[in-house]
């Protein structure tokens, strides 16, 4: 969740820092999801803001492309994290209840 919010709030810089500094699957997929929603946020800000009047004139297909790419990044990170989490749960269910240390 921390890497998600870091990538969401700090955009590119937050994505690169959180993706490069974390070693867990949860952190990396959280950074991808946060960057996807950050991209959606900025597309909507630029599209509906009065400060940027000429960015999408006559090219409305372009903001749809960026909007879809942002949502795809968000869902990709979320789905891949849930797959990794379920894979770890199923593989650990056959082992006895002990603490396991994962080293990358």
PDB file of N, CA and C in Angstrom:
ATOM      1  N   UNK A   1       0.825  -1.190   0.000  1.00  0.00           N
ATOM      2  CA  UNK A   1       0.000   0.000   0.000  1.00  0.00           C
ATOM      3  C   UNK A   1       0.873   1.259   0.000  1.00  0.00           C
ATOM      4  N   UNK A   2       2.006   1.178   0.686  1.00  0.00           N
ATOM      5  CA  UNK A   2       2.891   2.341   0.730  1.00  0.00           C
ATOM      6  C   UNK A   2       3.437   2.680  -0.656  1.00  0.00           C
ATOM      7  N   UNK A   3       3.860   1.671  -1.393  1.00  0.00           N
ATOM      8  CA  UNK A   3       4.392   1.943  -2.730  1.00  0.00           C
ATOM      9  C   UNK A   3       3.288   2.386  -3.675  1.00  0.00           C
ATOM     10  N   UNK A   4       2.072   1.889  -3.477  1.00  0.00           N
ATOM     11  CA  UNK A   4       0.936   2.343  -4.284  1.00  0.00           C
ATOM     12  C   UNK A   4       0.717   3.840  -4.087  1.00  0.00           C
ATOM     13  N   UNK A   5       0.636   4.275  -2.834  1.00  0.00           N
ATOM     14  CA  UNK A   5       0.408   5.695  -2.564  1.00  0.00           C
ATOM     15  C   UNK A   5       1.594   6.556  -2.967  1.00  0.00           C
ATOM     16  N   UNK A   6       2.791   6.025  -2.831  1.00  0.00           N
ATOM     17  CA  UNK A   6       3.977   6.777  -3.245  1.00  0.00           C
ATOM     18  C   UNK A   6       3.971   7.007  -4.756  1.00  0.00           C
ATOM     19  N   UNK A   7       3.643   5.977  -5.518  1.00  0.00           N
ATOM     20  CA  UNK A   7       3.583   6.117  -6.975  1.00  0.00           C
ATOM     21  C   UNK A   7       2.392   6.960  -7.399  1.00  0.00           C
ATOM     22  N   UNK A   8       1.296   6.867  -6.684  1.00  0.00           N
ATOM     23  CA  UNK A   8       0.109   7.650  -7.027  1.00  0.00           C
ATOM     24  C   UNK A   8       0.315   9.135  -6.751  1.00  0.00           C
ATOM     25  N   UNK A   9       0.914   9.462  -5.634  1.00  0.00           N
ATOM     26  CA  UNK A   9       1.062  10.865  -5.255  1.00  0.00           C
ATOM     27  C   UNK A   9       2.243  11.554  -5.936  1.00  0.00           C
ATOM     28  N   UNK A  10       3.339  10.833  -6.159  1.00  0.00           N
ATOM     29  CA  UNK A  10       4.536  11.457  -6.707  1.00  0.00           C
ATOM     30  C   UNK A  10       4.806  11.100  -8.166  1.00  0.00           C
ATOM     31  N   UNK A  11       3.841  10.476  -8.831  1.00  0.00           N
ATOM     32  CA  UNK A  11       3.851  10.201 -10.268  1.00  0.00           C
ATOM     33  C   UNK A  11       5.087   9.428 -10.706  1.00  0.00           C
ATOM     34  N   UNK A  12       5.838   9.952 -11.693  1.00  0.00           N
ATOM     35  CA  UNK A  12       6.993   9.235 -12.252  1.00  0.00           C
ATOM     36  C   UNK A  12       8.083   8.999 -11.219  1.00  0.00           C
ATOM     37  N   UNK A  13       8.394  10.017 -10.467  1.00  0.00           N
ATOM     38  CA  UNK A  13       9.464   9.894  -9.480  1.00  0.00           C
ATOM     39  C   UNK A  13       9.093   8.874  -8.415  1.00  0.00           C
ATOM     40  N   UNK A  14       7.864   8.925  -7.937  1.00  0.00           N
ATOM     41  CA  UNK A  14       7.403   7.955  -6.955  1.00  0.00           C
ATOM     42  C   UNK A  14       7.381   6.544  -7.494  1.00  0.00           C
ATOM     43  N   UNK A  15       7.000   6.409  -8.770  1.00  0.00           N
ATOM     44  CA  UNK A  15       6.998   5.075  -9.374  1.00  0.00           C
ATOM     45  C   UNK A  15       8.406   4.511  -9.446  1.00  0.00           C
ATOM     46  N   UNK A  16       9.350   5.296  -9.965  1.00  0.00           N
ATOM     47  CA  UNK A  16      10.716   4.788 -10.100  1.00  0.00           C
ATOM     48  C   UNK A  16      11.352   4.495  -8.745  1.00  0.00           C
ATOM     49  N   UNK A  17      11.132   5.359  -7.782  1.00  0.00           N
ATOM     50  CA  UNK A  17      11.706   5.110  -6.453  1.00  0.00           C
ATOM     51  C   UNK A  17      11.098   3.878  -5.799  1.00  0.00           C
ATOM     52  N   UNK A  18       9.788   3.782  -5.835  1.00  0.00           N
ATOM     53  CA  UNK A  18       9.148   2.654  -5.168  1.00  0.00           C
ATOM     54  C   UNK A  18       9.395   1.343  -5.906  1.00  0.00           C
ATOM     55  N   UNK A  19       9.480   1.363  -7.222  1.00  0.00           N
ATOM     56  CA  UNK A  19       9.719   0.138  -7.974  1.00  0.00           C
ATOM     57  C   UNK A  19      11.164  -0.336  -7.813  1.00  0.00           C
ATOM     58  N   UNK A  20      12.095   0.596  -7.783  1.00  0.00           N
ATOM     59  CA  UNK A  20      13.509   0.221  -7.706  1.00  0.00           C
ATOM     60  C   UNK A  20      13.972  -0.091  -6.291  1.00  0.00           C
ATOM     61  N   UNK A  21      13.372   0.513  -5.292  1.00  0.00           N
ATOM     62  CA  UNK A  21      13.848   0.338  -3.926  1.00  0.00           C
ATOM     63  C   UNK A  21      13.203  -0.835  -3.196  1.00  0.00           C
ATOM     64  N   UNK A  22      12.107  -1.348  -3.695  1.00  0.00           N
ATOM     65  CA  UNK A  22      11.462  -2.468  -3.020  1.00  0.00           C
ATOM     66  C   UNK A  22      11.867  -3.790  -3.669  1.00  0.00           C
ATOM     67  N   UNK A  23      11.879  -4.843  -2.865  1.00  0.00           N
ATOM     68  CA  UNK A  23      12.266  -6.154  -3.384  1.00  0.00           C
ATOM     69  C   UNK A  23      11.122  -7.152  -3.365  1.00  0.00           C
ATOM     70  N   UNK A  24       9.966  -6.758  -2.878  1.00  0.00           N
ATOM     71  CA  UNK A  24       8.861  -7.710  -2.786  1.00  0.00           C
ATOM     72  C   UNK A  24       7.919  -7.555  -3.979  1.00  0.00           C
ATOM     73  N   UNK A  25       7.189  -8.620  -4.249  1.00  0.00           N
ATOM     74  CA  UNK A  25       6.207  -8.587  -5.334  1.00  0.00           C
ATOM     75  C   UNK A  25       5.078  -7.611  -4.997  1.00  0.00           C
ATOM     76  N   UNK A  26       4.697  -7.544  -3.739  1.00  0.00           N
ATOM     77  CA  UNK A  26       3.639  -6.631  -3.333  1.00  0.00           C
ATOM     78  C   UNK A  26       4.041  -5.181  -3.589  1.00  0.00           C
ATOM     79  N   UNK A  27       5.270  -4.834  -3.283  1.00  0.00           N
ATOM     80  CA  UNK A  27       5.742  -3.476  -3.502  1.00  0.00           C
ATOM     81  C   UNK A  27       5.818  -3.112  -4.971  1.00  0.00           C
ATOM     82  N   UNK A  28       6.312  -4.010  -5.768  1.00  0.00           N
ATOM     83  CA  UNK A  28       6.455  -3.712  -7.198  1.00  0.00           C
ATOM     84  C   UNK A  28       5.104  -3.622  -7.894  1.00  0.00           C
ATOM     85  N   UNK A  29       4.208  -4.543  -7.593  1.00  0.00           N
ATOM     86  CA  UNK A  29       2.888  -4.478  -8.218  1.00  0.00           C
ATOM     87  C   UNK A  29       2.069  -3.319  -7.668  1.00  0.00           C
ATOM     88  N   UNK A  30       2.312  -2.944  -6.432  1.00  0.00           N
ATOM     89  CA  UNK A  30       1.665  -1.747  -5.890  1.00  0.00           C
ATOM     90  C   UNK A  30       2.138  -0.487  -6.595  1.00  0.00           C
ATOM     91  N   UNK A  31       3.419  -0.435  -6.931  1.00  0.00           N
ATOM     92  CA  UNK A  31       3.948   0.721  -7.660  1.00  0.00           C
ATOM     93  C   UNK A  31       3.352   0.800  -9.063  1.00  0.00           C
ATOM     94  N   UNK A  32       3.201  -0.342  -9.719  1.00  0.00           N
ATOM     95  CA  UNK A  32       2.604  -0.344 -11.054  1.00  0.00           C
ATOM     96  C   UNK A  32       1.149   0.108 -10.991  1.00  0.00           C
ATOM     97  N   UNK A  33       0.404  -0.367 -10.016  1.00  0.00           N
ATOM     98  CA  UNK A  33      -0.991   0.036  -9.866  1.00  0.00           C
ATOM     99  C   UNK A  33      -1.110   1.526  -9.548  1.00  0.00           C
ATOM    100  N   UNK A  34      -0.266   2.009  -8.679  1.00  0.00           N
ATOM    101  CA  UNK A  34      -0.302   3.426  -8.333  1.00  0.00           C
ATOM    102  C   UNK A  34       0.052   4.311  -9.505  1.00  0.00           C
ATOM    103  N   UNK A  35       1.011   3.894 -10.320  1.00  0.00           N
ATOM    104  CA  UNK A  35       1.357   4.687 -11.496  1.00  0.00           C
ATOM    105  C   UNK A  35       0.220   4.681 -12.518  1.00  0.00           C
ATOM    106  N   UNK A  36      -0.471   3.556 -12.655  1.00  0.00           N
ATOM    107  CA  UNK A  36      -1.607   3.503 -13.576  1.00  0.00           C
ATOM    108  C   UNK A  36      -2.702   4.476 -13.176  1.00  0.00           C
ATOM    109  N   UNK A  37      -3.051   4.508 -11.894  1.00  0.00           N
ATOM    110  CA  UNK A  37      -4.071   5.463 -11.451  1.00  0.00           C
ATOM    111  C   UNK A  37      -3.566   6.895 -11.497  1.00  0.00           C
ATOM    112  N   UNK A  38      -2.280   7.094 -11.310  1.00  0.00           N
ATOM    113  CA  UNK A  38      -1.712   8.428 -11.450  1.00  0.00           C
ATOM    114  C   UNK A  38      -1.826   8.924 -12.888  1.00  0.00           C
ATOM    115  N   UNK A  39      -1.605   8.031 -13.839  1.00  0.00           N
ATOM    116  CA  UNK A  39      -1.760   8.392 -15.247  1.00  0.00           C
ATOM    117  C   UNK A  39      -3.204   8.757 -15.563  1.00  0.00           C
ATOM    118  N   UNK A  40      -4.148   8.000 -15.025  1.00  0.00           N
ATOM    119  CA  UNK A  40      -5.571   8.317 -15.216  1.00  0.00           C
ATOM    120  C   UNK A  40      -5.894   9.668 -14.601  1.00  0.00           C
ATOM    121  N   UNK A  41      -5.360   9.910 -13.411  1.00  0.00           N
ATOM    122  CA  UNK A  41      -5.601  11.192 -12.727  1.00  0.00           C
ATOM    123  C   UNK A  41      -5.130  12.362 -13.572  1.00  0.00           C
ATOM    124  N   UNK A  42      -3.913  12.272 -14.116  1.00  0.00           N
ATOM    125  CA  UNK A  42      -3.383  13.393 -14.882  1.00  0.00           C
ATOM    126  C   UNK A  42      -4.058  13.565 -16.231  1.00  0.00           C
ATOM    127  N   UNK A  43      -4.499  12.495 -16.844  1.00  0.00           N
ATOM    128  CA  UNK A  43      -5.248  12.623 -18.097  1.00  0.00           C
ATOM    129  C   UNK A  43      -6.560  13.352 -17.847  1.00  0.00           C
ATOM    130  N   UNK A  44      -7.247  13.005 -16.777  1.00  0.00           N
ATOM    131  CA  UNK A  44      -8.501  13.684 -16.465  1.00  0.00           C
ATOM    132  C   UNK A  44      -8.284  15.138 -16.053  1.00  0.00           C
ATOM    133  N   UNK A  45      -7.201  15.418 -15.354  1.00  0.00           N
ATOM    134  CA  UNK A  45      -6.911  16.813 -14.984  1.00  0.00           C
ATOM    135  C   UNK A  45      -6.643  17.645 -16.229  1.00  0.00           C
ATOM    136  N   UNK A  46      -5.824  17.142 -17.120  1.00  0.00           N
ATOM    137  CA  UNK A  46      -5.498  17.899 -18.336  1.00  0.00           C
ATOM    138  C   UNK A  46      -6.713  18.017 -19.246  1.00  0.00           C
ATOM    139  N   UNK A  47      -7.510  16.988 -19.313  1.00  0.00           N
ATOM    140  CA  UNK A  47      -8.659  16.993 -20.220  1.00  0.00           C
ATOM    141  C   UNK A  47      -9.728  17.988 -19.790  1.00  0.00           C
ATOM    142  N   UNK A  48     -10.036  18.050 -18.515  1.00  0.00           N
ATOM    143  CA  UNK A  48     -11.144  18.876 -18.044  1.00  0.00           C
ATOM    144  C   UNK A  48     -10.709  20.172 -17.364  1.00  0.00           C
ATOM    145  N   UNK A  49      -9.462  20.525 -17.443  1.00  0.00           N
ATOM    146  CA  UNK A  49      -8.974  21.746 -16.831  1.00  0.00           C
ATOM    147  C   UNK A  49      -9.074  22.907 -17.808  1.00  0.00           C
ATOM    148  N   UNK A  50      -9.252  24.090 -17.263  1.00  0.00           N
ATOM    149  CA  UNK A  50      -9.270  25.293 -18.104  1.00  0.00           C
ATOM    150  C   UNK A  50      -7.867  25.845 -18.314  1.00  0.00           C
ATOM    151  N   UNK A  51      -6.877  25.316 -17.610  1.00  0.00           N
ATOM    152  CA  UNK A  51      -5.507  25.787 -17.760  1.00  0.00           C
ATOM    153  C   UNK A  51      -4.816  25.225 -18.996  1.00  0.00           C
ATOM    154  N   UNK A  52      -5.305  24.110 -19.505  1.00  0.00           N
ATOM    155  CA  UNK A  52      -4.713  23.453 -20.673  1.00  0.00           C
ATOM    156  C   UNK A  52      -5.744  23.398 -21.799  1.00  0.00           C
ATOM    157  N   UNK A  53      -6.044  24.511 -22.434  1.00  0.00           N
ATOM    158  CA  UNK A  53      -7.156  24.502 -23.389  1.00  0.00           C
ATOM    159  C   UNK A  53      -6.865  23.812 -24.717  1.00  0.00           C
ATOM    160  N   UNK A  54      -5.633  23.740 -25.176  1.00  0.00           N
ATOM    161  CA  UNK A  54      -5.383  23.237 -26.513  1.00  0.00           C
ATOM    162  C   UNK A  54      -4.690  21.900 -26.599  1.00  0.00           C
ATOM    163  N   UNK A  55      -4.625  21.152 -25.507  1.00  0.00           N
ATOM    164  CA  UNK A  55      -3.859  19.906 -25.537  1.00  0.00           C
ATOM    165  C   UNK A  55      -4.547  18.797 -26.304  1.00  0.00           C
ATOM    166  N   UNK A  56      -5.869  18.720 -26.233  1.00  0.00           N
ATOM    167  CA  UNK A  56      -6.576  17.618 -26.870  1.00  0.00           C
ATOM    168  C   UNK A  56      -7.566  18.099 -27.923  1.00  0.00           C
ATOM    169  N   UNK A  57      -7.348  19.255 -28.487  1.00  0.00           N
ATOM    170  CA  UNK A  57      -8.263  19.760 -29.509  1.00  0.00           C
ATOM    171  C   UNK A  57      -8.196  18.901 -30.762  1.00  0.00           C
ATOM    172  N   UNK A  58      -9.311  18.293 -31.109  1.00  0.00           N
ATOM    173  CA  UNK A  58      -9.386  17.480 -32.307  1.00  0.00           C
ATOM    174  C   UNK A  58      -8.757  16.107 -32.182  1.00  0.00           C
ATOM    175  N   UNK A  59      -8.181  15.786 -31.027  1.00  0.00           N
ATOM    176  CA  UNK A  59      -7.541  14.486 -30.828  1.00  0.00           C
ATOM    177  C   UNK A  59      -8.077  13.831 -29.559  1.00  0.00           C
ATOM    178  N   UNK A  60      -9.379  13.681 -29.535  1.00  0.00           N
ATOM    179  CA  UNK A  60      -9.984  13.085 -28.355  1.00  0.00           C
ATOM    180  C   UNK A  60      -9.656  11.603 -28.228  1.00  0.00           C
ATOM    181  N   UNK A  61      -9.286  10.954 -29.298  1.00  0.00           N
ATOM    182  CA  UNK A  61      -8.893   9.545 -29.235  1.00  0.00           C
ATOM    183  C   UNK A  61      -7.613   9.381 -28.410  1.00  0.00           C
ATOM    184  N   UNK A  62      -6.781  10.427 -28.379  1.00  0.00           N
ATOM    185  CA  UNK A  62      -5.510  10.342 -27.672  1.00  0.00           C
ATOM    186  C   UNK A  62      -5.708  10.241 -26.159  1.00  0.00           C
ATOM    187  N   UNK A  63      -6.629  11.018 -25.618  1.00  0.00           N
ATOM    188  CA  UNK A  63      -6.834  10.926 -24.175  1.00  0.00           C
ATOM    189  C   UNK A  63      -7.534   9.632 -23.800  1.00  0.00           C
ATOM    190  N   UNK A  64      -8.335   9.070 -24.705  1.00  0.00           N
ATOM    191  CA  UNK A  64      -8.915   7.754 -24.447  1.00  0.00           C
ATOM    192  C   UNK A  64      -7.832   6.675 -24.379  1.00  0.00           C
ATOM    193  N   UNK A  65      -6.835   6.792 -25.258  1.00  0.00           N
ATOM    194  CA  UNK A  65      -5.737   5.824 -25.257  1.00  0.00           C
ATOM    195  C   UNK A  65      -4.978   5.873 -23.932  1.00  0.00           C
ATOM    196  N   UNK A  66      -4.625   7.071 -23.469  1.00  0.00           N
ATOM    197  CA  UNK A  66      -3.914   7.202 -22.201  1.00  0.00           C
ATOM    198  C   UNK A  66      -4.778   6.762 -21.017  1.00  0.00           C
ATOM    199  N   UNK A  67      -6.073   7.024 -21.091  1.00  0.00           N
ATOM    200  CA  UNK A  67      -6.985   6.607 -20.035  1.00  0.00           C
ATOM    201  C   UNK A  67      -7.056   5.078 -19.947  1.00  0.00           C
ATOM    202  N   UNK A  68      -7.160   4.422 -21.086  1.00  0.00           N
ATOM    203  CA  UNK A  68      -7.217   2.954 -21.101  1.00  0.00           C
ATOM    204  C   UNK A  68      -5.888   2.347 -20.653  1.00  0.00           C
ATOM    205  N   UNK A  69      -4.771   2.926 -21.092  1.00  0.00           N
ATOM    206  CA  UNK A  69      -3.455   2.429 -20.673  1.00  0.00           C
ATOM    207  C   UNK A  69      -3.298   2.560 -19.158  1.00  0.00           C
ATOM    208  N   UNK A  70      -3.753   3.659 -18.586  1.00  0.00           N
ATOM    209  CA  UNK A  70      -3.681   3.831 -17.133  1.00  0.00           C
ATOM    210  C   UNK A  70      -4.499   2.802 -16.383  1.00  0.00           C
ATOM    211  N   UNK A  71      -5.729   2.554 -16.844  1.00  0.00           N
ATOM    212  CA  UNK A  71      -6.555   1.544 -16.186  1.00  0.00           C
ATOM    213  C   UNK A  71      -5.976   0.142 -16.371  1.00  0.00           C
ATOM    214  N   UNK A  72      -5.388  -0.134 -17.537  1.00  0.00           N
ATOM    215  CA  UNK A  72      -4.771  -1.443 -17.751  1.00  0.00           C
ATOM    216  C   UNK A  72      -3.573  -1.657 -16.830  1.00  0.00           C
ATOM    217  N   UNK A  73      -2.769  -0.616 -16.624  1.00  0.00           N
ATOM    218  CA  UNK A  73      -1.650  -0.726 -15.685  1.00  0.00           C
ATOM    219  C   UNK A  73      -2.143  -0.981 -14.261  1.00  0.00           C
ATOM    220  N   UNK A  74      -3.203  -0.274 -13.881  1.00  0.00           N
ATOM    221  CA  UNK A  74      -3.766  -0.471 -12.546  1.00  0.00           C
ATOM    222  C   UNK A  74      -4.254  -1.901 -12.364  1.00  0.00           C
ATOM    223  N   UNK A  75      -5.034  -2.396 -13.307  1.00  0.00           N
ATOM    224  CA  UNK A  75      -5.571  -3.749 -13.189  1.00  0.00           C
ATOM    225  C   UNK A  75      -4.485  -4.810 -13.326  1.00  0.00           C
ATOM    226  N   UNK A  76      -3.464  -4.530 -14.128  1.00  0.00           N
ATOM    227  CA  UNK A  76      -2.356  -5.482 -14.262  1.00  0.00           C
ATOM    228  C   UNK A  76      -1.639  -5.667 -12.933  1.00  0.00           C
ATOM    229  N   UNK A  77      -1.335  -4.580 -12.264  1.00  0.00           N
ATOM    230  CA  UNK A  77      -0.675  -4.682 -10.970  1.00  0.00           C
ATOM    231  C   UNK A  77      -1.535  -5.378  -9.935  1.00  0.00           C
ATOM    232  N   UNK A  78      -2.827  -5.076  -9.929  1.00  0.00           N
ATOM    233  CA  UNK A  78      -3.738  -5.678  -8.958  1.00  0.00           C
ATOM    234  C   UNK A  78      -3.905  -7.173  -9.199  1.00  0.00           C
ATOM    235  N   UNK A  79      -4.108  -7.569 -10.450  1.00  0.00           N
ATOM    236  CA  UNK A  79      -4.320  -8.978 -10.775  1.00  0.00           C
ATOM    237  C   UNK A  79      -3.046  -9.786 -10.559  1.00  0.00           C
ATOM    238  N   UNK A  80      -1.909  -9.260 -10.976  1.00  0.00           N
ATOM    239  CA  UNK A  80      -0.655  -9.995 -10.779  1.00  0.00           C
ATOM    240  C   UNK A  80      -0.316 -10.154  -9.302  1.00  0.00           C
ATOM    241  N   UNK A  81      -0.600  -9.151  -8.501  1.00  0.00           N
ATOM    242  CA  UNK A  81      -0.372  -9.282  -7.059  1.00  0.00           C
ATOM    243  C   UNK A  81      -1.273 -10.362  -6.470  1.00  0.00           C
ATOM    244  N   UNK A  82      -2.537 -10.395  -6.874  1.00  0.00           N
ATOM    245  CA  UNK A  82      -3.432 -11.415  -6.333  1.00  0.00           C
ATOM    246  C   UNK A  82      -3.019 -12.813  -6.782  1.00  0.00           C
ATOM    247  N   UNK A  83      -2.490 -12.948  -7.997  1.00  0.00           N
ATOM    248  CA  UNK A  83      -1.985 -14.255  -8.449  1.00  0.00           C
ATOM    249  C   UNK A  83      -0.792 -14.711  -7.618  1.00  0.00           C
ATOM    250  N   UNK A  84       0.141 -13.805  -7.375  1.00  0.00           N
ATOM    251  CA  UNK A  84       1.321 -14.159  -6.577  1.00  0.00           C
ATOM    252  C   UNK A  84       0.906 -14.506  -5.156  1.00  0.00           C
ATOM    253  N   UNK A  85      -0.018 -13.766  -4.619  1.00  0.00           N
ATOM    254  CA  UNK A  85      -0.476 -14.043  -3.250  1.00  0.00           C
ATOM    255  C   UNK A  85      -1.186 -15.394  -3.173  1.00  0.00           C
ATOM    256  N   UNK A  86      -2.034 -15.707  -4.138  1.00  0.00           N
ATOM    257  CA  UNK A  86      -2.728 -16.999  -4.132  1.00  0.00           C
ATOM    258  C   UNK A  86      -1.758 -18.144  -4.377  1.00  0.00           C
ATOM    259  N   UNK A  87      -0.751 -17.921  -5.222  1.00  0.00           N
ATOM    260  CA  UNK A  87       0.233 -18.954  -5.487  1.00  0.00           C
ATOM    261  C   UNK A  87       1.019 -19.267  -4.214  1.00  0.00           C
ATOM    262  N   UNK A  88       1.364 -18.258  -3.454  1.00  0.00           N
ATOM    263  CA  UNK A  88       2.094 -18.468  -2.207  1.00  0.00           C
ATOM    264  C   UNK A  88       1.208 -19.153  -1.175  1.00  0.00           C
ATOM    265  N   UNK A  89      -0.078 -18.822  -1.133  1.00  0.00           N
ATOM    266  CA  UNK A  89      -0.983 -19.458  -0.174  1.00  0.00           C
ATOM    267  C   UNK A  89      -1.157 -20.938  -0.475  1.00  0.00           C
ATOM    268  N   UNK A  90      -1.283 -21.298  -1.748  1.00  0.00           N
ATOM    269  CA  UNK A  90      -1.493 -22.695  -2.105  1.00  0.00           C
ATOM    270  C   UNK A  90      -0.235 -23.528  -1.891  1.00  0.00           C
ATOM    271  N   UNK A  91       0.913 -22.969  -2.173  1.00  0.00           N
ATOM    272  CA  UNK A  91       2.138 -23.746  -2.010  1.00  0.00           C
ATOM    273  C   UNK A  91       2.509 -23.908  -0.541  1.00  0.00           C
ATOM    274  N   UNK A  92       2.103 -22.967   0.288  1.00  0.00           N
ATOM    275  CA  UNK A  92       2.431 -23.052   1.710  1.00  0.00           C
ATOM    276  C   UNK A  92       1.420 -23.873   2.498  1.00  0.00           C
ATOM    277  N   UNK A  93       0.268 -24.182   1.913  1.00  0.00           N
ATOM    278  CA  UNK A  93      -0.749 -24.890   2.675  1.00  0.00           C
ATOM    279  C   UNK A  93      -0.351 -26.338   2.966  1.00  0.00           C
ATOM    280  N   UNK A  94       0.528 -26.915   2.160  1.00  0.00           N
ATOM    281  CA  UNK A  94       0.947 -28.293   2.396  1.00  0.00           C
ATOM    282  C   UNK A  94       2.081 -28.381   3.406  1.00  0.00           C
ATOM    283  N   UNK A  95       2.761 -27.282   3.678  1.00  0.00           N
ATOM    284  CA  UNK A  95       3.862 -27.287   4.646  1.00  0.00           C
ATOM    285  C   UNK A  95       3.316 -27.170   6.063  1.00  0.00           C
ATOM    286  N   UNK A  96       4.058 -27.667   7.039  1.00  0.00           N
ATOM    287  CA  UNK A  96       3.619 -27.474   8.424  1.00  0.00           C
ATOM    288  C   UNK A  96       3.675 -25.992   8.801  1.00  0.00           C
ATOM    289  N   UNK A  97       2.950 -25.637   9.821  1.00  0.00           N
ATOM    290  CA  UNK A  97       2.871 -24.238  10.243  1.00  0.00           C
ATOM    291  C   UNK A  97       4.188 -23.800  10.880  1.00  0.00           C
ATOM    292  N   UNK A  98       5.063 -23.231  10.088  1.00  0.00           N
ATOM    293  CA  UNK A  98       6.317 -22.670  10.584  1.00  0.00           C
ATOM    294  C   UNK A  98       6.546 -21.340   9.906  1.00  0.00           C
ATOM    295  N   UNK A  99       7.449 -20.582  10.414  1.00  0.00           N
ATOM    296  CA  UNK A  99       7.786 -19.311   9.791  1.00  0.00           C
ATOM    297  C   UNK A  99       8.770 -19.569   8.660  1.00  0.00           C
ATOM    298  N   UNK A 100       8.530 -18.920   7.551  1.00  0.00           N
ATOM    299  CA  UNK A 100       9.377 -19.118   6.373  1.00  0.00           C
ATOM    300  C   UNK A 100       9.984 -17.781   6.011  1.00  0.00           C
ATOM    301  N   UNK A 101      11.275 -17.772   5.777  1.00  0.00           N
ATOM    302  CA  UNK A 101      11.982 -16.559   5.401  1.00  0.00           C
ATOM    303  C   UNK A 101      12.270 -16.612   3.900  1.00  0.00           C
ATOM    304  N   UNK A 102      11.751 -15.647   3.166  1.00  0.00           N
ATOM    305  CA  UNK A 102      12.010 -15.562   1.738  1.00  0.00           C
ATOM    306  C   UNK A 102      13.164 -14.612   1.506  1.00  0.00           C
ATOM    307  N   UNK A 103      14.180 -15.075   0.807  1.00  0.00           N
ATOM    308  CA  UNK A 103      15.316 -14.236   0.473  1.00  0.00           C
ATOM    309  C   UNK A 103      15.370 -14.102  -1.035  1.00  0.00           C
ATOM    310  N   UNK A 104      15.420 -12.872  -1.524  1.00  0.00           N
ATOM    311  CA  UNK A 104      15.473 -12.619  -2.961  1.00  0.00           C
ATOM    312  C   UNK A 104      16.894 -12.489  -3.413  1.00  0.00           C
TER     313      UNK A 104
END
